[in-house]
Protein backbone atom coordinates (compact mmCIF):
# COMPACT_ATOMS: atom_id res chain seq x y z
CA MET A 1 0.02 -0.08 -0.01
CA HIS A 2 1.17 3.49 -0.89
CA LYS A 3 2.05 5.35 2.35
CA TYR A 4 0.38 8.63 1.19
CA LEU A 5 -2.92 6.92 0.10
CA ARG A 6 -4.40 8.07 3.47
CA ALA A 7 -3.58 11.64 2.50
CA ILE A 8 -6.29 11.65 -0.14
CA GLY A 9 -8.90 9.82 2.04
CA PHE A 10 -8.13 5.99 1.80
CA SER A 11 -6.96 5.50 5.39
CA LYS A 12 -9.24 2.34 5.81
CA PHE A 13 -7.74 0.54 2.64
CA ASN A 14 -5.47 -2.25 4.17
CA SER A 15 -5.91 -5.46 1.94
CA ARG A 16 -4.44 -6.17 -1.24
CA ASN A 17 -7.87 -7.19 -2.71
CA GLU A 18 -9.36 -3.75 -1.94
CA LEU A 19 -6.48 -2.09 -3.55
CA LYS A 20 -6.66 -4.26 -6.53
CA ARG A 21 -10.40 -3.37 -6.97
CA LEU A 22 -9.72 0.28 -6.51
CA LEU A 23 -6.94 0.37 -9.29
CA THR A 24 -9.06 -1.69 -11.54
CA ASP A 25 -11.73 1.00 -11.15
CA VAL A 26 -9.37 3.73 -11.89
CA VAL A 27 -8.28 2.16 -15.21
CA ILE A 28 -11.76 1.28 -16.41
CA ASN A 29 -13.47 4.45 -15.26
CA SER A 30 -10.51 6.96 -15.58
CA ASP A 31 -11.29 10.73 -15.95
CA SER A 32 -8.17 11.22 -18.06
CA ARG A 33 -5.87 9.06 -20.04
CA ALA A 34 -2.55 9.64 -21.58
CA TYR A 35 -0.41 7.46 -23.97
CA THR A 36 3.02 7.92 -25.63
CA THR A 37 5.62 5.78 -27.29
CA GLY A 38 8.96 5.81 -25.29
CA GLN A 39 12.61 5.71 -26.69
CA ASP A 40 12.43 1.79 -26.63
CA ASP A 41 9.28 1.87 -28.90
CA ILE A 42 7.19 0.63 -25.92
CA MET A 43 3.67 2.20 -25.56
CA LEU A 44 3.38 3.73 -22.16
CA GLY A 45 -0.05 4.54 -20.47
CA GLU A 46 -1.41 6.54 -17.55
CA PHE A 47 -4.85 6.51 -16.26
CA CYS A 48 -5.98 9.04 -13.63
CA LYS A 49 -9.24 9.28 -11.71
CA ASP A 50 -10.26 12.08 -9.31
CA PHE A 51 -11.87 11.27 -6.04
CA ALA A 52 -12.19 14.91 -5.22
CA GLU A 53 -11.37 18.11 -7.01
CA ASN A 54 -7.86 17.83 -8.45
CA MET A 55 -7.17 14.88 -6.15
CA GLY A 56 -6.95 11.22 -7.04
CA ILE A 57 -4.98 8.28 -7.97
CA ALA A 58 -2.79 7.66 -11.12
CA VAL A 59 -2.19 4.11 -12.48
CA CYS A 60 0.88 3.84 -14.78
CA GLY A 61 2.26 1.05 -16.92
CA GLU A 62 2.58 -0.15 -20.47
CA PHE A 63 0.75 -1.95 -23.34
CA ASP A 64 1.60 -5.46 -24.42
CA GLU A 65 3.70 -5.51 -27.57
CA GLU A 66 1.81 -8.48 -29.03
CA ASN A 67 -1.65 -7.40 -27.77
CA ASP A 68 -2.08 -3.54 -27.80
CA ASP A 69 -5.40 -3.78 -25.99
CA LYS A 70 -3.76 -5.39 -22.98
CA PHE A 71 -2.69 -2.91 -20.34
CA ILE A 72 0.20 -4.15 -17.99
CA TYR A 73 0.02 -2.43 -14.52
CA ASP A 74 3.35 -1.27 -13.34
CA TYR A 75 2.82 1.13 -10.36
CA TYR A 76 0.40 3.76 -8.97
CA TYR A 77 0.55 6.93 -6.88
CA PRO A 78 -1.87 9.30 -5.02
CA TYR A 79 -1.81 12.81 -6.44
CA LEU A 80 -2.89 16.46 -5.78
CA ARG A 81 -2.93 18.61 -8.81
CA GLY A 82 -1.62 22.15 -7.82
CA THR A 83 -2.97 25.33 -8.99
CA GLY A 84 -1.23 28.52 -10.07
CA VAL A 85 2.52 28.79 -10.91
CA THR A 86 4.91 28.06 -8.01
CA THR A 87 8.22 29.10 -9.68
CA THR A 88 9.36 29.93 -13.11
CA GLU A 89 13.00 28.68 -12.56
CA ASP A 90 14.43 26.07 -14.95
CA VAL A 91 13.73 22.34 -13.98
CA SER A 92 15.85 19.37 -14.80
CA VAL A 93 14.35 15.77 -14.68
CA GLU A 94 15.97 12.42 -14.12
CA ARG A 95 14.43 8.96 -14.27
CA HIS A 96 14.20 6.72 -11.17
CA ALA A 97 16.21 3.65 -11.16
CA GLU A 98 13.68 0.99 -10.40
CA LYS A 99 10.69 2.07 -12.65
CA GLU A 100 9.54 4.43 -15.37
CA SER A 101 8.89 7.39 -13.03
CA TYR A 102 10.77 10.61 -12.80
CA ALA A 103 12.06 13.09 -10.32
CA GLY A 104 12.46 16.74 -11.02
CA VAL A 105 14.87 19.22 -9.59
CA CYS A 106 14.43 22.97 -9.28
CA ASP A 107 17.01 25.27 -8.09
CA ASP A 108 15.11 28.28 -6.70
CA VAL A 109 17.11 30.87 -4.90
CA LYS A 110 14.34 31.76 -2.51
CA VAL A 111 14.22 28.17 -1.05
CA GLY A 112 17.99 27.88 -0.24
CA VAL A 113 18.00 24.25 -1.16
CA SER A 114 17.47 22.33 -4.44
CA LEU A 115 13.82 21.27 -4.36
CA ILE A 116 13.43 17.63 -5.65
CA PHE A 117 9.86 16.52 -6.39
CA TYR A 118 8.04 13.55 -7.88
CA LEU A 119 7.04 14.38 -11.49
CA GLN A 120 3.19 14.11 -12.16
CA ASN A 121 3.04 14.63 -16.01
CA ARG A 122 5.53 12.09 -17.10
CA ILE A 123 3.88 11.33 -20.47
CA PRO A 124 4.33 14.72 -22.00
CA TYR A 125 8.05 14.61 -20.77
CA VAL A 126 8.59 11.23 -22.26
CA LYS A 127 6.96 12.43 -25.48
CA ALA A 128 9.19 15.49 -25.58
CA GLN A 129 12.28 13.31 -24.84
CA ALA A 130 11.48 10.66 -27.61
CA GLN A 131 11.01 13.62 -30.04
CA ARG A 132 14.36 15.15 -28.99
CA ARG A 133 12.74 18.44 -27.99
CA LEU A 134 14.54 18.71 -24.63
CA PRO A 135 15.50 21.02 -22.97
CA ILE A 136 12.25 23.05 -23.47
CA ARG A 137 12.64 26.72 -22.49
CA GLY A 138 9.82 28.79 -21.00
CA THR A 139 8.51 26.20 -18.74
CA THR A 140 6.86 26.94 -15.33
CA LEU A 141 6.40 24.66 -12.38
CA THR A 142 3.33 24.06 -10.17
CA LEU A 143 4.03 22.25 -6.87
CA SER A 144 1.66 20.43 -4.61
CA ALA A 145 2.10 18.11 -1.63
CA LEU A 146 0.58 15.31 0.33
CA SER A 147 1.04 14.92 4.09
CA ILE A 148 0.13 12.24 6.61
CA LYS A 149 1.40 14.02 9.68
CA GLY A 150 0.95 17.67 10.62
CA ASN A 151 0.34 20.44 13.29
CA VAL A 152 -1.26 23.87 13.37
CA MET A 153 0.73 26.41 15.00
CA LEU A 154 -0.17 30.13 15.92
CA PRO A 155 1.60 32.71 13.76
CA ILE A 156 4.42 35.16 14.85
CA LYS A 157 2.89 38.51 15.57
CA LYS A 158 4.19 41.26 13.32
CA ASP A 159 3.08 44.73 12.45
CA GLU A 160 3.11 46.29 9.01
CA TYR A 161 6.47 47.72 9.35
CA GLN A 162 8.14 44.48 10.33
CA LYS A 163 6.32 42.72 7.41
CA LYS A 164 7.85 45.27 4.89
CA LYS A 165 11.21 45.01 6.49
CA SER A 166 11.23 41.30 6.24
CA GLN A 167 10.15 41.35 2.49
CA LYS A 168 12.84 43.90 1.77
CA GLU A 169 15.59 41.93 3.48
CA SER A 170 14.53 38.72 1.67
CA ARG A 171 14.49 40.41 -1.74
CA ASN A 172 18.19 41.76 -1.03
CA ARG A 173 19.22 38.26 0.11
CA ASN A 174 17.87 36.64 -3.07
CA ASN A 175 19.77 39.11 -5.12
CA LEU A 176 22.98 38.45 -3.29
CA ILE A 177 22.50 34.68 -3.63
CA ALA A 178 21.89 35.03 -7.37
CA ALA A 179 25.13 37.16 -7.64
CA ALA A 180 26.97 34.64 -5.69
CA ARG A 181 26.03 31.85 -8.19
CA ARG A 182 27.47 34.04 -10.86
CA GLY A 183 30.67 34.08 -8.98
CA ASP A 184 30.46 37.46 -7.42
CA GLU A 185 33.05 37.44 -4.61
CA GLU A 186 31.70 40.49 -2.85
CA ALA A 187 28.27 38.90 -2.70
CA ILE A 188 29.71 35.54 -1.33
CA GLU A 189 31.57 37.61 1.37
CA THR A 190 28.40 39.62 2.31
CA LEU A 191 26.41 36.40 2.54
CA THR A 192 29.01 34.77 4.80
CA LEU A 193 29.08 37.73 7.18
CA GLU A 194 25.26 37.93 7.24
CA ASP A 195 25.07 34.14 8.24
CA MET A 196 27.56 34.65 10.93
CA ASP A 197 25.70 37.51 12.41
CA MET A 198 22.48 35.59 12.15
CA TYR A 199 23.91 32.62 13.92
CA THR A 200 25.17 34.80 16.76
CA LEU A 201 21.89 36.58 17.03
CA ILE A 202 19.99 33.17 17.18
CA SER A 203 22.35 31.58 19.72
CA ARG A 204 21.76 34.58 21.97
CA LYS A 205 18.01 34.62 21.68
CA ILE A 206 17.36 30.84 21.69
CA GLN A 207 18.44 30.72 25.42
CA LYS A 208 15.17 32.74 26.29
CA GLU A 209 12.87 32.34 23.37
CA ASP A 210 11.13 29.38 21.66
CA VAL A 211 12.62 28.41 18.25
CA PHE A 212 9.26 28.77 16.47
CA SER A 213 8.89 32.31 17.76
CA LEU A 214 12.25 33.07 15.89
CA VAL A 215 11.75 30.98 12.78
CA ASP A 216 8.84 32.15 10.71
CA THR A 217 9.05 29.47 7.97
CA TYR A 218 11.45 26.81 6.75
CA CYS A 219 11.87 23.94 4.24
CA MET A 220 14.25 21.16 4.99
CA PRO A 221 14.92 17.58 3.45
CA TYR A 222 13.34 14.87 5.61
CA GLY A 223 14.59 11.41 5.93
CA VAL A 224 16.27 9.43 3.26
CA GLU A 225 13.81 9.79 0.42
CA CYS A 226 14.76 12.94 -1.59
CA ASP A 227 11.34 14.23 -2.34
CA GLN A 228 10.14 14.38 1.14
CA TYR A 229 10.50 17.55 3.34
CA SER A 230 9.81 18.93 6.69
CA ILE A 231 8.25 22.28 6.22
CA LEU A 232 6.71 25.22 8.24
CA GLY A 233 4.61 27.56 6.43
CA GLU A 234 1.79 30.08 6.69
CA ILE A 235 -1.78 28.94 5.72
CA MET A 236 -3.11 31.24 2.90
CA GLU A 237 -6.37 29.38 2.22
CA CYS A 238 -8.15 26.44 3.85
CA ARG A 239 -11.23 24.42 2.90
CA THR A 240 -12.33 21.00 3.73
CA ILE A 241 -13.19 18.47 0.82
CA LYS A 242 -14.59 14.94 0.87
CA ASN A 243 -13.42 11.84 -0.84
CA THR A 244 -16.36 10.84 -3.06
CA LEU A 245 -15.74 6.97 -2.61
CA THR A 246 -14.79 6.69 1.11
CA GLY A 247 -16.44 9.87 2.52
CA GLU A 248 -13.32 10.78 4.41
CA GLU A 249 -12.74 14.57 4.89
CA ILE A 250 -9.47 16.10 3.68
CA TYR A 251 -8.01 19.65 4.55
CA HIS A 252 -7.10 21.37 1.13
CA MET A 253 -4.73 24.18 2.14
CA SER A 254 -2.49 26.77 0.27
CA ILE A 255 0.77 27.16 1.97
CA TYR A 256 3.12 30.02 1.73
CA CYS A 257 6.62 28.58 2.56
CA ASN A 258 10.04 30.25 1.95
CA GLU A 259 8.40 32.57 -0.44
CA LEU A 260 6.82 29.71 -2.56
CA THR A 261 3.13 29.04 -2.62
CA PHE A 262 1.78 25.47 -3.24
CA ASP A 263 -1.32 23.31 -2.36
CA LEU A 264 -1.36 20.73 0.12
CA CYS A 265 -3.75 18.07 1.50
CA ILE A 266 -3.81 16.09 4.62
CA ASN A 267 -6.37 13.64 6.11
CA THR A 268 -8.47 15.58 8.87
CA ARG A 269 -7.48 12.66 11.14
CA ASP A 270 -3.72 13.33 10.70
CA LEU A 271 -3.62 17.02 11.41
CA TYR A 272 -3.44 18.10 15.08
CA GLY A 273 -5.02 21.47 15.66
CA GLU A 274 -7.68 23.54 13.61
CA PRO A 275 -6.23 25.16 10.40
CA ARG A 276 -7.24 28.86 9.77
CA VAL A 277 -5.96 31.47 7.43
CA GLY A 278 -3.01 33.16 9.08
CA ARG A 279 -2.01 30.18 11.12
CA ARG A 280 1.04 28.08 10.43
CA PHE A 281 1.20 24.47 9.18
CA LYS A 282 4.16 22.38 10.35
CA GLY A 283 4.65 18.84 9.03
CA ILE A 284 6.27 16.22 6.84
CA ILE A 285 5.22 16.36 3.12
CA TRP A 286 5.76 14.33 0.01
CA LEU A 287 6.49 17.00 -2.79
CA GLN A 288 4.97 16.56 -6.26
CA GLY A 289 5.39 18.80 -9.44
CA PHE A 290 3.67 19.42 -12.72
CA ILE A 291 5.75 21.04 -15.40
CA ASN A 292 3.73 23.33 -17.49
CA PHE A 293 5.26 23.06 -21.07
CA PRO A 294 4.69 26.06 -23.25
CA GLU A 295 1.95 25.40 -25.89
């Protein structure tokens, strides 16, 4: 069973037979289907079915070479289709070793780390790869996340002046990081000095204050799987949706984390606290991404 099935409302699915019936239903009654021929002249297929708005299960595999009507199941994954554009930075994609699935890497200066995500729209990517159209310029990225463990935290109280000051400092730092990547030695030295000052300031304050009153937001790699992260971000939007098959309720939130905005869903049973706009979400996420190829 996929670990993140419960994030989209399938927490009570425990047996192989239940899962087999569910995946068969996805293939037969899919809402969308995609096909393409890979570099090895193998016909790949993907069947997706929504069980709530933009949320469902994708079944991936290939068609039998001798019998094109026979679909051979390979793997499946739960998904949440994100909305809007998260970043316009360039994305690189690599195939996973064990199966025909892909991971994307995005280096956005605002985050501070290379974001690695599970690629949702692999069929358009494989098609572009087979046609030798890569790399494609002008793409954007829409991120989304599933979570099976999270807490709601109160926000840090800030007045308007503090908010504007924080935004200005963030813009200046992003410009310095961009310059440092281009090899600007002065920018590298400035960033090093700022980090030393920040370390000294936090070391002094942490003795009397709680860490979450000092840290407003963060995004850090979690565990050994490269597309899972521990995050703390502000809740921009929040609503409750229901899985049409199981009836389980899911929190669908828009999270602002390290200056990136993305959609997140979590089972109401797995979230400690009551989510509200302005409060913060702290939890472990599985990051997914949809590359928006230019038409």
